[in-house]
């Protein structure tokens, strides 16, 4: 899981640079990752709708 987070950080900073916009983009992406993980965990790692 940490490898995924590190990849998100690298991708975000490569595209936006290390400024306030980059931090906001990074925080948003990490929140999305956390939400996806939560949905999968709650569903016992079965199918989850992308709309959720």
N, C-alpha and C. Protein backbone atom coordinates (compact mmCIF):
# COMPACT_ATOMS: atom_id res chain seq x y z
N UNK A 1 0.83 -1.19 0.00
CA UNK A 1 0.00 0.00 0.00
C UNK A 1 0.87 1.25 0.00
N UNK A 2 1.95 1.21 0.72
CA UNK A 2 2.84 2.37 0.76
C UNK A 2 3.45 2.64 -0.61
N UNK A 3 3.71 1.61 -1.38
CA UNK A 3 4.25 1.79 -2.72
C UNK A 3 3.27 2.57 -3.60
N UNK A 4 2.00 2.29 -3.45
CA UNK A 4 0.98 3.02 -4.21
C UNK A 4 0.98 4.49 -3.81
N UNK A 5 1.05 4.75 -2.52
CA UNK A 5 1.06 6.14 -2.04
C UNK A 5 2.28 6.89 -2.55
N UNK A 6 3.43 6.25 -2.53
CA UNK A 6 4.66 6.88 -3.03
C UNK A 6 4.53 7.18 -4.52
N UNK A 7 3.96 6.27 -5.27
CA UNK A 7 3.76 6.50 -6.70
C UNK A 7 2.83 7.68 -6.95
N UNK A 8 1.79 7.80 -6.15
CA UNK A 8 0.87 8.93 -6.28
C UNK A 8 1.60 10.24 -6.00
N UNK A 9 2.42 10.27 -4.97
CA UNK A 9 3.19 11.47 -4.65
C UNK A 9 4.10 11.85 -5.80
N UNK A 10 4.85 10.90 -6.31
CA UNK A 10 5.77 11.17 -7.41
C UNK A 10 5.04 11.67 -8.65
N UNK A 11 3.93 11.02 -9.00
CA UNK A 11 3.16 11.42 -10.18
C UNK A 11 2.61 12.83 -10.01
N UNK A 12 2.09 13.13 -8.85
CA UNK A 12 1.50 14.44 -8.59
C UNK A 12 2.56 15.54 -8.68
N UNK A 13 3.67 15.35 -8.01
CA UNK A 13 4.71 16.38 -8.00
C UNK A 13 5.38 16.53 -9.37
N UNK A 14 5.44 15.46 -10.13
CA UNK A 14 6.01 15.54 -11.48
C UNK A 14 5.14 16.43 -12.37
N UNK A 15 3.83 16.37 -12.17
CA UNK A 15 2.90 17.13 -13.02
C UNK A 15 2.66 18.55 -12.53
N UNK A 16 2.71 18.77 -11.22
CA UNK A 16 2.30 20.08 -10.70
C UNK A 16 3.40 20.87 -10.02
N UNK A 17 4.48 20.24 -9.62
CA UNK A 17 5.53 20.95 -8.90
C UNK A 17 5.22 21.05 -7.43
N UNK A 18 6.22 21.40 -6.62
CA UNK A 18 6.06 21.39 -5.16
C UNK A 18 5.48 22.70 -4.60
N UNK A 19 4.28 23.05 -4.99
CA UNK A 19 3.66 24.27 -4.48
C UNK A 19 2.32 23.94 -3.82
N UNK A 20 1.56 24.96 -3.49
CA UNK A 20 0.28 24.75 -2.80
C UNK A 20 -0.69 23.93 -3.65
N UNK A 21 -0.73 24.17 -4.95
CA UNK A 21 -1.62 23.41 -5.82
C UNK A 21 -1.24 21.93 -5.82
N UNK A 22 0.05 21.66 -5.80
CA UNK A 22 0.52 20.28 -5.76
C UNK A 22 0.10 19.60 -4.46
N UNK A 23 0.23 20.32 -3.35
CA UNK A 23 -0.17 19.74 -2.08
C UNK A 23 -1.66 19.42 -2.06
N UNK A 24 -2.47 20.33 -2.59
CA UNK A 24 -3.92 20.09 -2.64
C UNK A 24 -4.26 18.90 -3.53
N UNK A 25 -3.59 18.81 -4.69
CA UNK A 25 -3.82 17.68 -5.59
C UNK A 25 -3.41 16.38 -4.92
N UNK A 26 -2.30 16.41 -4.24
CA UNK A 26 -1.81 15.22 -3.55
C UNK A 26 -2.76 14.79 -2.45
N UNK A 27 -3.21 15.72 -1.65
CA UNK A 27 -4.15 15.41 -0.58
C UNK A 27 -5.43 14.81 -1.15
N UNK A 28 -5.93 15.38 -2.23
CA UNK A 28 -7.14 14.85 -2.87
C UNK A 28 -6.95 13.44 -3.37
N UNK A 29 -5.82 13.16 -3.97
CA UNK A 29 -5.55 11.82 -4.48
C UNK A 29 -5.39 10.81 -3.35
N UNK A 30 -4.74 11.21 -2.29
CA UNK A 30 -4.59 10.30 -1.16
C UNK A 30 -5.93 10.04 -0.46
N UNK A 31 -6.79 11.04 -0.41
CA UNK A 31 -8.13 10.83 0.15
C UNK A 31 -8.91 9.85 -0.72
N UNK A 32 -8.79 9.98 -2.03
CA UNK A 32 -9.48 9.05 -2.94
C UNK A 32 -8.96 7.63 -2.75
N UNK A 33 -7.65 7.49 -2.59
CA UNK A 33 -7.06 6.18 -2.35
C UNK A 33 -7.57 5.59 -1.04
N UNK A 34 -7.64 6.41 0.00
CA UNK A 34 -8.13 5.94 1.29
C UNK A 34 -9.59 5.52 1.19
N UNK A 35 -10.39 6.26 0.45
CA UNK A 35 -11.81 5.92 0.29
C UNK A 35 -11.96 4.60 -0.47
N UNK A 36 -11.17 4.42 -1.51
CA UNK A 36 -11.22 3.17 -2.28
C UNK A 36 -10.83 1.99 -1.40
N UNK A 37 -9.79 2.17 -0.61
CA UNK A 37 -9.36 1.12 0.30
C UNK A 37 -10.45 0.79 1.32
N UNK A 38 -11.09 1.83 1.85
CA UNK A 38 -12.17 1.64 2.82
C UNK A 38 -13.33 0.86 2.20
N UNK A 39 -13.73 1.23 0.99
CA UNK A 39 -14.83 0.54 0.33
C UNK A 39 -14.50 -0.93 0.10
N UNK A 40 -13.28 -1.20 -0.37
CA UNK A 40 -12.88 -2.58 -0.62
C UNK A 40 -12.80 -3.37 0.69
N UNK A 41 -12.28 -2.74 1.70
CA UNK A 41 -12.17 -3.41 3.00
C UNK A 41 -13.55 -3.73 3.57
N UNK A 42 -14.46 -2.78 3.48
CA UNK A 42 -15.82 -2.98 3.99
C UNK A 42 -16.56 -4.08 3.24
N UNK A 43 -16.21 -4.27 1.96
CA UNK A 43 -16.90 -5.28 1.16
C UNK A 43 -16.15 -6.60 1.13
N UNK A 44 -15.20 -6.76 2.03
CA UNK A 44 -14.39 -7.99 2.12
C UNK A 44 -13.63 -8.23 0.81
N UNK A 45 -13.20 -7.15 0.17
CA UNK A 45 -12.38 -7.21 -1.06
C UNK A 45 -13.12 -7.88 -2.21
N UNK A 46 -14.44 -7.67 -2.27
CA UNK A 46 -15.20 -8.12 -3.42
C UNK A 46 -15.48 -6.92 -4.31
N UNK A 47 -16.38 -7.08 -5.24
CA UNK A 47 -16.68 -5.97 -6.16
C UNK A 47 -17.22 -4.74 -5.43
N UNK A 48 -16.81 -3.59 -5.96
CA UNK A 48 -17.29 -2.31 -5.43
C UNK A 48 -17.63 -1.44 -6.64
N UNK A 49 -18.77 -0.76 -6.59
CA UNK A 49 -19.18 0.12 -7.66
C UNK A 49 -18.24 1.33 -7.76
N UNK A 50 -17.88 1.72 -8.96
CA UNK A 50 -17.05 2.91 -9.14
C UNK A 50 -17.80 4.18 -8.74
N UNK A 51 -19.11 4.11 -8.73
CA UNK A 51 -19.90 5.27 -8.33
C UNK A 51 -19.78 5.56 -6.85
N UNK A 52 -19.42 4.57 -6.06
CA UNK A 52 -19.27 4.77 -4.62
C UNK A 52 -17.99 5.53 -4.37
